[in-house]
Amino acid sequence: MTEEEASCCAPGDAGKNSCKVEAVVSVDERGQMVLPKELRDRAHIRAGDKLAAVSCERDGEVCCISLIKVEELSATVKGFLGPIFKDLA
């Protein structure tokens, strides 16, 4: 996989990749939330874009939810699973 194909969320060089808390959002009574405009602009998220909600569980409870652009999902999955499959070979 080339560097262009690799997801920014994939394990790798810690100097290149970083994760941080960008905002705290509230969920309304209809289950909707708003991503701040500054974050949407920086992430190039536009009206109509599709985001995949990916959850992680610990002890049977969802403890983490990440949003990933659908077009980035394939590279993200490959980045996370690639090392696992490499170890199995």
Protein backbone atom coordinates (compact mmCIF):
# COMPACT_ATOMS: atom_id res chain seq x y z
CA MET A 1 0.00 0.00 0.00
CA THR A 2 1.43 3.37 -0.98
CA GLU A 3 1.59 6.29 1.44
CA GLU A 4 -1.20 7.99 -0.53
CA GLU A 5 -3.45 4.93 -0.05
CA ALA A 6 -2.75 4.64 3.68
CA SER A 7 -5.32 6.07 6.04
CA CYS A 8 -4.32 8.82 8.42
CA CYS A 9 -5.88 6.70 11.18
CA ALA A 10 -3.81 3.61 10.44
CA PRO A 11 -1.10 2.55 12.86
CA GLY A 12 2.25 3.89 11.81
CA ASP A 13 4.75 6.64 12.36
CA ALA A 14 3.59 8.51 15.46
CA GLY A 15 5.36 11.61 14.19
CA LYS A 16 3.05 11.78 11.16
CA ASN A 17 -0.27 10.72 12.69
CA SER A 18 -2.04 12.16 15.68
CA CYS A 19 -5.45 11.93 17.27
CA LYS A 20 -6.92 14.58 19.54
CA VAL A 21 -10.17 15.76 21.01
CA GLU A 22 -11.50 18.35 18.56
CA ALA A 23 -14.81 19.26 20.16
CA VAL A 24 -17.46 18.17 22.59
CA VAL A 25 -20.86 17.88 20.94
CA SER A 26 -24.33 17.42 22.43
CA VAL A 27 -26.95 14.96 21.24
CA ASP A 28 -30.46 16.39 21.02
CA GLU A 29 -33.71 14.60 21.80
CA ARG A 30 -33.91 13.31 18.21
CA GLY A 31 -30.40 11.80 18.43
CA GLN A 32 -28.85 14.46 16.21
CA MET A 33 -25.59 16.26 16.78
CA VAL A 34 -23.70 19.03 15.03
CA LEU A 35 -20.03 18.88 14.09
CA PRO A 36 -18.52 22.35 14.51
CA LYS A 37 -18.05 24.25 11.23
CA GLU A 38 -14.30 24.70 11.77
CA LEU A 39 -13.85 20.92 12.10
CA ARG A 40 -16.07 20.22 9.07
CA ASP A 41 -14.05 22.71 7.03
CA ARG A 42 -10.69 21.25 8.10
CA ALA A 43 -11.94 17.70 7.41
CA HIS A 44 -13.48 18.75 4.07
CA ILE A 45 -16.89 17.42 5.16
CA ARG A 46 -19.69 18.85 3.03
CA ALA A 47 -23.46 18.46 2.96
CA GLY A 48 -24.35 15.05 1.54
CA ASP A 49 -21.02 13.42 2.47
CA LYS A 50 -21.27 9.94 3.99
CA LEU A 51 -19.52 9.13 7.26
CA ALA A 52 -19.16 5.63 8.72
CA ALA A 53 -19.72 5.39 12.47
CA VAL A 54 -17.24 2.84 13.84
CA SER A 55 -17.60 1.66 17.43
CA CYS A 56 -15.19 -0.06 19.79
CA GLU A 57 -16.35 -2.20 22.70
CA ARG A 58 -14.86 -2.99 26.07
CA ASP A 59 -16.52 -5.54 28.35
CA GLY A 60 -19.56 -5.65 26.04
CA GLU A 61 -20.18 -1.89 26.19
CA VAL A 62 -19.50 0.64 23.44
CA CYS A 63 -16.70 2.83 24.75
CA CYS A 64 -15.61 4.71 21.63
CA ILE A 65 -17.27 5.91 18.42
CA SER A 66 -15.25 7.25 15.50
CA LEU A 67 -16.51 8.90 12.32
CA ILE A 68 -14.63 8.04 9.13
CA LYS A 69 -15.35 9.36 5.66
CA VAL A 70 -16.72 6.45 3.63
CA GLU A 71 -14.12 6.99 0.91
CA GLU A 72 -11.39 6.60 3.58
CA LEU A 73 -12.93 3.51 5.16
CA SER A 74 -11.20 0.99 2.90
CA ALA A 75 -7.73 2.41 3.59
CA THR A 76 -8.46 2.59 7.32
CA VAL A 77 -9.56 -1.06 7.46
CA LYS A 78 -6.51 -2.14 5.46
CA GLY A 79 -4.25 -0.11 7.75
CA PHE A 80 -5.64 -1.76 10.88
CA LEU A 81 -5.95 -5.31 9.52
CA GLY A 82 -2.83 -5.37 7.35
CA PRO A 83 -0.40 -5.93 10.23
CA ILE A 84 -2.68 -8.63 11.69
CA PHE A 85 -2.81 -10.59 8.43
CA LYS A 86 0.93 -10.10 7.94
CA ASP A 87 1.54 -11.73 11.35
CA LEU A 88 -0.70 -14.68 10.43
CA ALA A 89 1.23 -15.46 7.26
